[in-house]
Amino acid sequence: MPFEGAMHDIRCALRSLRKSAGFALTAVLTLALGIGATTAIFTLVYDVLLRPLPYTHPDQLVQMEERVAEFRDIYPTLR
């Protein structure tokens, strides 16, 4: 059978992990922490940057700003 070799490898791996429980626990906790952190960061990036705007015509949105002449001396980059 093609799965006999794979089953033998899985049994051997489980036996080895059972013998070194500290290493197994550390590996599982590290994987869980990494997967959880990756999921949380991707969720945040999706919500902030990738999710489409909740408007029916987002191409019609405009940005308006007001520039005050008195601030040109304070902030010379505003022109």
PDB file of N, CA and C in Angstrom:
ATOM      1  N   MET A   1       0.839  -1.200   0.000  1.00  0.00           N
ATOM      2  CA  MET A   1       0.000   0.000   0.000  1.00  0.00           C
ATOM      3  C   MET A   1       0.876   1.253   0.000  1.00  0.00           C
ATOM      4  N   PRO A   2       0.444   2.289  -0.675  1.00  0.00           N
ATOM      5  CA  PRO A   2       1.266   3.499  -0.764  1.00  0.00           C
ATOM      6  C   PRO A   2       1.337   4.277   0.556  1.00  0.00           C
ATOM      7  N   PHE A   3       0.369   4.100   1.448  1.00  0.00           N
ATOM      8  CA  PHE A   3       0.348   4.886   2.681  1.00  0.00           C
ATOM      9  C   PHE A   3       1.069   4.213   3.834  1.00  0.00           C
ATOM     10  N   GLU A   4       1.591   3.004   3.631  1.00  0.00           N
ATOM     11  CA  GLU A   4       2.271   2.308   4.721  1.00  0.00           C
ATOM     12  C   GLU A   4       3.516   3.065   5.157  1.00  0.00           C
ATOM     13  N   GLY A   5       4.274   3.544   4.215  1.00  0.00           N
ATOM     14  CA  GLY A   5       5.480   4.306   4.556  1.00  0.00           C
ATOM     15  C   GLY A   5       5.145   5.589   5.299  1.00  0.00           C
ATOM     16  N   ALA A   6       4.116   6.280   4.865  1.00  0.00           N
ATOM     17  CA  ALA A   6       3.712   7.521   5.520  1.00  0.00           C
ATOM     18  C   ALA A   6       3.200   7.234   6.934  1.00  0.00           C
ATOM     19  N   MET A   7       2.429   6.171   7.101  1.00  0.00           N
ATOM     20  CA  MET A   7       1.924   5.820   8.429  1.00  0.00           C
ATOM     21  C   MET A   7       3.080   5.459   9.365  1.00  0.00           C
ATOM     22  N   HIS A   8       4.079   4.751   8.831  1.00  0.00           N
ATOM     23  CA  HIS A   8       5.242   4.409   9.637  1.00  0.00           C
ATOM     24  C   HIS A   8       5.973   5.680  10.077  1.00  0.00           C
ATOM     25  N   ASP A   9       6.128   6.649   9.171  1.00  0.00           N
ATOM     26  CA  ASP A   9       6.792   7.902   9.496  1.00  0.00           C
ATOM     27  C   ASP A   9       6.007   8.693  10.539  1.00  0.00           C
ATOM     28  N   ILE A  10       4.683   8.709  10.421  1.00  0.00           N
ATOM     29  CA  ILE A  10       3.850   9.442  11.382  1.00  0.00           C
ATOM     30  C   ILE A  10       3.950   8.805  12.761  1.00  0.00           C
ATOM     31  N   ARG A  11       3.896   7.463  12.813  1.00  0.00           N
ATOM     32  CA  ARG A  11       4.032   6.779  14.110  1.00  0.00           C
ATOM     33  C   ARG A  11       5.391   7.060  14.742  1.00  0.00           C
ATOM     34  N   CYS A  12       6.439   7.031  13.936  1.00  0.00           N
ATOM     35  CA  CYS A  12       7.789   7.315  14.432  1.00  0.00           C
ATOM     36  C   CYS A  12       7.879   8.756  14.950  1.00  0.00           C
ATOM     37  N   ALA A  13       7.295   9.708  14.238  1.00  0.00           N
ATOM     38  CA  ALA A  13       7.325  11.107  14.659  1.00  0.00           C
ATOM     39  C   ALA A  13       6.566  11.300  15.959  1.00  0.00           C
ATOM     40  N   LEU A  14       5.401  10.674  16.091  1.00  0.00           N
ATOM     41  CA  LEU A  14       4.620  10.797  17.322  1.00  0.00           C
ATOM     42  C   LEU A  14       5.361  10.178  18.498  1.00  0.00           C
ATOM     43  N   ARG A  15       6.024   9.054  18.269  1.00  0.00           N
ATOM     44  CA  ARG A  15       6.804   8.410  19.321  1.00  0.00           C
ATOM     45  C   ARG A  15       7.947   9.317  19.770  1.00  0.00           C
ATOM     46  N   SER A  16       8.612   9.950  18.810  1.00  0.00           N
ATOM     47  CA  SER A  16       9.720  10.854  19.144  1.00  0.00           C
ATOM     48  C   SER A  16       9.219  12.078  19.910  1.00  0.00           C
ATOM     49  N   LEU A  17       8.080  12.621  19.496  1.00  0.00           N
ATOM     50  CA  LEU A  17       7.529  13.782  20.197  1.00  0.00           C
ATOM     51  C   LEU A  17       7.062  13.425  21.603  1.00  0.00           C
ATOM     52  N   ARG A  18       6.567  12.213  21.785  1.00  0.00           N
ATOM     53  CA  ARG A  18       6.138  11.778  23.105  1.00  0.00           C
ATOM     54  C   ARG A  18       7.330  11.658  24.051  1.00  0.00           C
ATOM     55  N   LYS A  19       8.474  11.273  23.514  1.00  0.00           N
ATOM     56  CA  LYS A  19       9.675  11.137  24.345  1.00  0.00           C
ATOM     57  C   LYS A  19      10.209  12.504  24.771  1.00  0.00           C
ATOM     58  N   SER A  20      10.078  13.504  23.935  1.00  0.00           N
ATOM     59  CA  SER A  20      10.536  14.857  24.282  1.00  0.00           C
ATOM     60  C   SER A  20       9.332  15.786  24.325  1.00  0.00           C
ATOM     61  N   ALA A  21       8.569  15.706  25.398  1.00  0.00           N
ATOM     62  CA  ALA A  21       7.324  16.463  25.519  1.00  0.00           C
ATOM     63  C   ALA A  21       7.580  17.971  25.604  1.00  0.00           C
ATOM     64  N   GLY A  22       8.683  18.382  26.221  1.00  0.00           N
ATOM     65  CA  GLY A  22       8.995  19.811  26.319  1.00  0.00           C
ATOM     66  C   GLY A  22       9.216  20.435  24.961  1.00  0.00           C
ATOM     67  N   PHE A  23       9.961  19.735  24.118  1.00  0.00           N
ATOM     68  CA  PHE A  23      10.193  20.238  22.764  1.00  0.00           C
ATOM     69  C   PHE A  23       8.887  20.293  21.979  1.00  0.00           C
ATOM     70  N   ALA A  24       8.077  19.255  22.112  1.00  0.00           N
ATOM     71  CA  ALA A  24       6.801  19.215  21.386  1.00  0.00           C
ATOM     72  C   ALA A  24       5.902  20.362  21.819  1.00  0.00           C
ATOM     73  N   LEU A  25       5.828  20.606  23.120  1.00  0.00           N
ATOM     74  CA  LEU A  25       4.989  21.692  23.623  1.00  0.00           C
ATOM     75  C   LEU A  25       5.505  23.043  23.140  1.00  0.00           C
ATOM     76  N   THR A  26       6.827  23.225  23.167  1.00  0.00           N
ATOM     77  CA  THR A  26       7.414  24.470  22.694  1.00  0.00           C
ATOM     78  C   THR A  26       7.137  24.671  21.204  1.00  0.00           C
ATOM     79  N   ALA A  27       7.263  23.619  20.421  1.00  0.00           N
ATOM     80  CA  ALA A  27       7.013  23.726  18.982  1.00  0.00           C
ATOM     81  C   ALA A  27       5.552  24.067  18.698  1.00  0.00           C
ATOM     82  N   VAL A  28       4.629  23.411  19.394  1.00  0.00           N
ATOM     83  CA  VAL A  28       3.200  23.670  19.174  1.00  0.00           C
ATOM     84  C   VAL A  28       2.836  25.088  19.595  1.00  0.00           C
ATOM     85  N   LEU A  29       3.354  25.543  20.744  1.00  0.00           N
ATOM     86  CA  LEU A  29       3.053  26.906  21.197  1.00  0.00           C
ATOM     87  C   LEU A  29       3.655  27.952  20.256  1.00  0.00           C
ATOM     88  N   THR A  30       4.844  27.699  19.743  1.00  0.00           N
ATOM     89  CA  THR A  30       5.458  28.629  18.802  1.00  0.00           C
ATOM     90  C   THR A  30       4.648  28.720  17.514  1.00  0.00           C
ATOM     91  N   LEU A  31       4.223  27.576  17.006  1.00  0.00           N
ATOM     92  CA  LEU A  31       3.388  27.585  15.800  1.00  0.00           C
ATOM     93  C   LEU A  31       2.064  28.305  16.044  1.00  0.00           C
ATOM     94  N   ALA A  32       1.438  28.038  17.186  1.00  0.00           N
ATOM     95  CA  ALA A  32       0.159  28.680  17.494  1.00  0.00           C
ATOM     96  C   ALA A  32       0.322  30.191  17.607  1.00  0.00           C
ATOM     97  N   LEU A  33       1.393  30.634  18.262  1.00  0.00           N
ATOM     98  CA  LEU A  33       1.632  32.065  18.395  1.00  0.00           C
ATOM     99  C   LEU A  33       1.908  32.715  17.038  1.00  0.00           C
ATOM    100  N   GLY A  34       2.692  32.061  16.212  1.00  0.00           N
ATOM    101  CA  GLY A  34       2.991  32.600  14.888  1.00  0.00           C
ATOM    102  C   GLY A  34       1.762  32.679  14.004  1.00  0.00           C
ATOM    103  N   ILE A  35       0.960  31.643  14.005  1.00  0.00           N
ATOM    104  CA  ILE A  35      -0.262  31.633  13.181  1.00  0.00           C
ATOM    105  C   ILE A  35      -1.246  32.686  13.683  1.00  0.00           C
ATOM    106  N   GLY A  36      -1.383  32.799  15.003  1.00  0.00           N
ATOM    107  CA  GLY A  36      -2.296  33.791  15.572  1.00  0.00           C
ATOM    108  C   GLY A  36      -1.864  35.213  15.270  1.00  0.00           C
ATOM    109  N   ALA A  37      -0.555  35.484  15.405  1.00  0.00           N
ATOM    110  CA  ALA A  37      -0.053  36.831  15.124  1.00  0.00           C
ATOM    111  C   ALA A  37      -0.206  37.175  13.646  1.00  0.00           C
ATOM    112  N   THR A  38       0.072  36.222  12.771  1.00  0.00           N
ATOM    113  CA  THR A  38      -0.075  36.462  11.334  1.00  0.00           C
ATOM    114  C   THR A  38      -1.529  36.744  10.980  1.00  0.00           C
ATOM    115  N   THR A  39      -2.440  35.995  11.559  1.00  0.00           N
ATOM    116  CA  THR A  39      -3.863  36.204  11.302  1.00  0.00           C
ATOM    117  C   THR A  39      -4.308  37.579  11.790  1.00  0.00           C
ATOM    118  N   ALA A  40      -3.860  37.969  12.982  1.00  0.00           N
ATOM    119  CA  ALA A  40      -4.246  39.268  13.528  1.00  0.00           C
ATOM    120  C   ALA A  40      -3.705  40.406  12.669  1.00  0.00           C
ATOM    121  N   ILE A  41      -2.461  40.318  12.237  1.00  0.00           N
ATOM    122  CA  ILE A  41      -1.878  41.384  11.422  1.00  0.00           C
ATOM    123  C   ILE A  41      -2.554  41.453  10.060  1.00  0.00           C
ATOM    124  N   PHE A  42      -2.815  40.307   9.445  1.00  0.00           N
ATOM    125  CA  PHE A  42      -3.491  40.335   8.143  1.00  0.00           C
ATOM    126  C   PHE A  42      -4.893  40.917   8.269  1.00  0.00           C
ATOM    127  N   THR A  43      -5.604  40.576   9.348  1.00  0.00           N
ATOM    128  CA  THR A  43      -6.944  41.123   9.556  1.00  0.00           C
ATOM    129  C   THR A  43      -6.886  42.640   9.690  1.00  0.00           C
ATOM    130  N   LEU A  44      -5.901  43.141  10.435  1.00  0.00           N
ATOM    131  CA  LEU A  44      -5.758  44.585  10.602  1.00  0.00           C
ATOM    132  C   LEU A  44      -5.415  45.256   9.274  1.00  0.00           C
ATOM    133  N   VAL A  45      -4.491  44.690   8.528  1.00  0.00           N
ATOM    134  CA  VAL A  45      -4.113  45.267   7.233  1.00  0.00           C
ATOM    135  C   VAL A  45      -5.298  45.243   6.278  1.00  0.00           C
ATOM    136  N   TYR A  46      -6.050  44.164   6.279  1.00  0.00           N
ATOM    137  CA  TYR A  46      -7.214  44.091   5.386  1.00  0.00           C
ATOM    138  C   TYR A  46      -8.237  45.162   5.756  1.00  0.00           C
ATOM    139  N   ASP A  47      -8.537  45.291   7.054  1.00  0.00           N
ATOM    140  CA  ASP A  47      -9.549  46.261   7.470  1.00  0.00           C
ATOM    141  C   ASP A  47      -9.121  47.700   7.196  1.00  0.00           C
ATOM    142  N   VAL A  48      -7.831  47.995   7.327  1.00  0.00           N
ATOM    143  CA  VAL A  48      -7.376  49.374   7.174  1.00  0.00           C
ATOM    144  C   VAL A  48      -7.035  49.711   5.720  1.00  0.00           C
ATOM    145  N   LEU A  49      -6.388  48.795   5.011  1.00  0.00           N
ATOM    146  CA  LEU A  49      -5.856  49.141   3.692  1.00  0.00           C
ATOM    147  C   LEU A  49      -6.556  48.484   2.509  1.00  0.00           C
ATOM    148  N   LEU A  50      -6.979  47.264   2.638  1.00  0.00           N
ATOM    149  CA  LEU A  50      -7.426  46.517   1.469  1.00  0.00           C
ATOM    150  C   LEU A  50      -8.934  46.470   1.254  1.00  0.00           C
ATOM    151  N   ARG A  51      -9.695  46.644   2.311  1.00  0.00           N
ATOM    152  CA  ARG A  51     -11.150  46.550   2.190  1.00  0.00           C
ATOM    153  C   ARG A  51     -11.682  47.698   1.335  1.00  0.00           C
ATOM    154  N   PRO A  52     -12.582  47.424   0.413  1.00  0.00           N
ATOM    155  CA  PRO A  52     -13.136  48.510  -0.402  1.00  0.00           C
ATOM    156  C   PRO A  52     -13.957  49.474   0.447  1.00  0.00           C
ATOM    157  N   LEU A  53     -14.016  50.707  -0.019  1.00  0.00           N
ATOM    158  CA  LEU A  53     -14.779  51.717   0.713  1.00  0.00           C
ATOM    159  C   LEU A  53     -16.272  51.388   0.690  1.00  0.00           C
ATOM    160  N   PRO A  54     -16.982  51.690   1.770  1.00  0.00           N
ATOM    161  CA  PRO A  54     -18.407  51.339   1.840  1.00  0.00           C
ATOM    162  C   PRO A  54     -19.310  52.357   1.146  1.00  0.00           C
ATOM    163  N   TYR A  55     -18.935  52.772  -0.051  1.00  0.00           N
ATOM    164  CA  TYR A  55     -19.725  53.727  -0.816  1.00  0.00           C
ATOM    165  C   TYR A  55     -20.111  53.098  -2.146  1.00  0.00           C
ATOM    166  N   THR A  56     -21.248  53.531  -2.690  1.00  0.00           N
ATOM    167  CA  THR A  56     -21.697  52.949  -3.951  1.00  0.00           C
ATOM    168  C   THR A  56     -20.849  53.424  -5.124  1.00  0.00           C
ATOM    169  N   HIS A  57     -20.351  54.666  -5.073  1.00  0.00           N
ATOM    170  CA  HIS A  57     -19.519  55.209  -6.151  1.00  0.00           C
ATOM    171  C   HIS A  57     -18.239  55.805  -5.546  1.00  0.00           C
ATOM    172  N   PRO A  58     -17.289  54.992  -5.139  1.00  0.00           N
ATOM    173  CA  PRO A  58     -16.094  55.548  -4.489  1.00  0.00           C
ATOM    174  C   PRO A  58     -15.229  56.380  -5.426  1.00  0.00           C
ATOM    175  N   ASP A  59     -15.388  56.232  -6.730  1.00  0.00           N
ATOM    176  CA  ASP A  59     -14.604  57.037  -7.664  1.00  0.00           C
ATOM    177  C   ASP A  59     -15.062  58.496  -7.683  1.00  0.00           C
ATOM    178  N   GLN A  60     -16.220  58.782  -7.092  1.00  0.00           N
ATOM    179  CA  GLN A  60     -16.728  60.151  -7.059  1.00  0.00           C
ATOM    180  C   GLN A  60     -16.370  60.878  -5.763  1.00  0.00           C
ATOM    181  N   LEU A  61     -15.630  60.245  -4.876  1.00  0.00           N
ATOM    182  CA  LEU A  61     -15.219  60.895  -3.635  1.00  0.00           C
ATOM    183  C   LEU A  61     -14.153  61.933  -3.927  1.00  0.00           C
ATOM    184  N   VAL A  62     -14.200  63.025  -3.204  1.00  0.00           N
ATOM    185  CA  VAL A  62     -13.214  64.086  -3.362  1.00  0.00           C
ATOM    186  C   VAL A  62     -12.652  64.440  -1.990  1.00  0.00           C
ATOM    187  N   GLN A  63     -11.476  65.058  -1.992  1.00  0.00           N
ATOM    188  CA  GLN A  63     -10.870  65.532  -0.764  1.00  0.00           C
ATOM    189  C   GLN A  63     -10.731  67.039  -0.875  1.00  0.00           C
ATOM    190  N   MET A  64     -11.222  67.735   0.127  1.00  0.00           N
ATOM    191  CA  MET A  64     -11.150  69.187   0.118  1.00  0.00           C
ATOM    192  C   MET A  64     -10.235  69.624   1.251  1.00  0.00           C
ATOM    193  N   GLU A  65      -9.460  70.669   0.998  1.00  0.00           N
ATOM    194  CA  GLU A  65      -8.608  71.215   2.049  1.00  0.00           C
ATOM    195  C   GLU A  65      -8.556  72.719   1.901  1.00  0.00           C
ATOM    196  N   GLU A  66      -8.259  73.358   3.008  1.00  0.00           N
ATOM    197  CA  GLU A  66      -8.183  74.813   3.032  1.00  0.00           C
ATOM    198  C   GLU A  66      -6.769  75.197   3.448  1.00  0.00           C
ATOM    199  N   ARG A  67      -6.175  76.095   2.713  1.00  0.00           N
ATOM    200  CA  ARG A  67      -4.832  76.559   3.053  1.00  0.00           C
ATOM    201  C   ARG A  67      -4.935  78.029   3.466  1.00  0.00           C
ATOM    202  N   VAL A  68      -4.403  78.294   4.647  1.00  0.00           N
ATOM    203  CA  VAL A  68      -4.481  79.637   5.207  1.00  0.00           C
ATOM    204  C   VAL A  68      -3.165  80.358   4.935  1.00  0.00           C
ATOM    205  N   ALA A  69      -3.248  81.599   4.457  1.00  0.00           N
ATOM    206  CA  ALA A  69      -2.061  82.354   4.049  1.00  0.00           C
ATOM    207  C   ALA A  69      -1.114  82.629   5.214  1.00  0.00           C
ATOM    208  N   GLU A  70      -1.643  82.799   6.437  1.00  0.00           N
ATOM    209  CA  GLU A  70      -0.791  83.121   7.582  1.00  0.00           C
ATOM    210  C   GLU A  70       0.170  81.980   7.932  1.00  0.00           C
ATOM    211  N   PHE A  71      -0.151  80.773   7.559  1.00  0.00           N
ATOM    212  CA  PHE A  71       0.674  79.629   7.919  1.00  0.00           C
ATOM    213  C   PHE A  71       1.803  79.380   6.932  1.00  0.00           C
ATOM    214  N   ARG A  72       1.882  80.136   5.858  1.00  0.00           N
ATOM    215  CA  ARG A  72       2.939  79.907   4.871  1.00  0.00           C
ATOM    216  C   ARG A  72       4.314  80.204   5.452  1.00  0.00           C
ATOM    217  N   ASP A  73       4.402  81.184   6.357  1.00  0.00           N
ATOM    218  CA  ASP A  73       5.686  81.510   6.975  1.00  0.00           C
ATOM    219  C   ASP A  73       6.099  80.429   7.972  1.00  0.00           C
ATOM    220  N   ILE A  74       5.144  79.848   8.658  1.00  0.00           N
ATOM    221  CA  ILE A  74       5.431  78.827   9.656  1.00  0.00           C
ATOM    222  C   ILE A  74       5.747  77.501   8.984  1.00  0.00           C
ATOM    223  N   TYR A  75       4.947  77.150   7.998  1.00  0.00           N
ATOM    224  CA  TYR A  75       5.099  75.894   7.276  1.00  0.00           C
ATOM    225  C   TYR A  75       5.406  76.181   5.806  1.00  0.00           C
ATOM    226  N   PRO A  76       6.667  76.373   5.443  1.00  0.00           N
ATOM    227  CA  PRO A  76       6.979  76.773   4.063  1.00  0.00           C
ATOM    228  C   PRO A  76       6.678  75.684   3.033  1.00  0.00           C
ATOM    229  N   THR A  77       6.468  74.460   3.468  1.00  0.00           N
ATOM    230  CA  THR A  77       6.151  73.416   2.489  1.00  0.00           C
ATOM    231  C   THR A  77       4.727  73.522   1.984  1.00  0.00           C
ATOM    232  N   LEU A  78       3.874  74.268   2.673  1.00  0.00           N
ATOM    233  CA  LEU A  78       2.488  74.437   2.229  1.00  0.00           C
ATOM    234  C   LEU A  78       2.439  75.560   1.191  1.00  0.00           C
ATOM    235  N   ARG A  79       2.196  75.219  -0.018  1.00  0.00           N
ATOM    236  CA  ARG A  79       2.113  76.240  -1.080  1.00  0.00           C
ATOM    237  C   ARG A  79       0.982  75.903  -2.008  1.00  0.00           C
TER     238      ARG A  79
END
